[in-house]
C-alpha cells in the first residue's frame, strides 16, 4: 500500500495473520504442517547433496535452504518448506534474514512450496515493509536465483530476491512433458528490490521468466513487487510458443495517469494512452485518442485488439493485448489518429505507450469498436464562424453569406468546405 508517495506497511497483526493463513493454505490437502524447516541462513550442504527428507537435519544439526530444496527434489510427493531461523543467526540484521547462495537454487520436484511468510509467523513482523527472508545473489556467479526445472504446481511465497546475475525466478520447460510444466505460482515476493521494496537493486536478467504460470493473485498478500531488473521485470513466452499459453499476472492493479507524466518509478510510471473512439469503416479501423506526456513526438503508441467473448476484457478494464494491430506516433499535441487493419464491431481496443528510453506504460482502458453506417447523415449542427451561418451535412458544408443591404441586386455566394471545426451552438 502507498500513501503520499511512500509505502505504508500492513499492520503487524495483519501480516502475522496472512502468514498463518499462508502456512495452512500452501499445504492444501497434503498437510497443514511443514515437511522441512530451514533454520539457518548458511548455504551449507551435508551428505554431498544426496539427502532425502528423512536424512535431515544431517551431521551439523541445521537445515539450509539449499539442503531443504535438495531433500524435496529427492523425496517423492509434495513438500512444504518453511522457515524458522532464530534471531541469533549471524545474518539477521534486526529486520531481515539474508541468505547468500554460492550458486543458484534449482527445484525439480512437483508440488513443492517454499514459504518465506512462515518466518514472519515464527519471529514476528521484523520487516514491516516486506518479507523477512532475503536471497542475495551477489556472490552466486552467473546464475538464476531460483530455477523451476520441468517442475509444476509449485509455490514460491514471501521472498526478497535480488542481485543475481541472471533471472530472479526462472521457469524452464522442455522434454517430453513440455505441455504440462505449469501451475507454478509466485506470490508475495519482492524481486529486484531491497527488503523495503522501495529501492531497486535489480537482477541481471528478468525478474521472472515464465511459461504457463501465475504471478501474483487477487489477495493483497499475493502481490509481488518486481523492479530494477536489467532486461525486463516479467518475460512471458509468446502465445503458440513452447508452454507460452496460460500465463497470468494478477494483483498489481492499474496505476492511474498523472498530469504531465512527471512521476517516476518502474518504467518511469509512463502514462498510458487515453482512447476516445474506434470506428470501423470499409477496409480499415480508425482509432483516436491522446497521450499526456512530456514529449509526445518521442512516444510510440501500440494498439491491440481483444476479441469478445474470448479473451475479452481484463477484470481491470485495461487490456488484454491479444492481437497486435500496429503502431503510430502522436502529433506534438499528443493527439493520436491510427488507421489500422479492420476488426469486427464489438471488439475491444486497447493501447500502450513506449518512450524513447524503452519505458512502456500499462494498457489503456478498453474501448469498443463501433460501426460507421455508410451513407448515414451526420447530426445537424449549427456553427458560429466569423459572421457566417453554416449548416453541416455529413462531411461537407454549405456556407451562405447573408445578403447585404445595397441598391445593387443581392448576390449570393456559396462556399463549400470539406471539413469545418467549430463549436456546436
Foldseek 3Di string as FASTA:
>chain_A
DDDPRHDDFDDQVVLLVVLQVCLQPLCPPNDSHFLAEAAALEQDDPPVLQDASVCPPDDVNGNHPQNVQSNQQNDDDEGEYEYQYDCPHPQRPQAAREREHQAAHEHAEERYEDEQSRNCNRPTRSHRQAGRYEYADQNHPQHEHYEHELYAQYEYAGYEYAAHQEEPYEYHADDPPQQPRENYEYFRYEFQAPRNLAHGREYNYEPYEDAQYEQFDQDQNGHYRFANYDHYPYHADDPPPRSRPNYYYDDPAADADDAQLPQQDGLGQAHFWAWDAWEDDPFWIKTKTFGRYPFQQQKKKWKAKADPPVVNADPNQFDDRPGTWDIDGADRRRIDIDITGDDDFQIWMWIWMAGNVGRIHGIYRIDTYDYDDPPDWDDWFWFDDDQWTWTDTHQKIWIWHDFDPDPDDTDIDIDMDRHDDGDGD
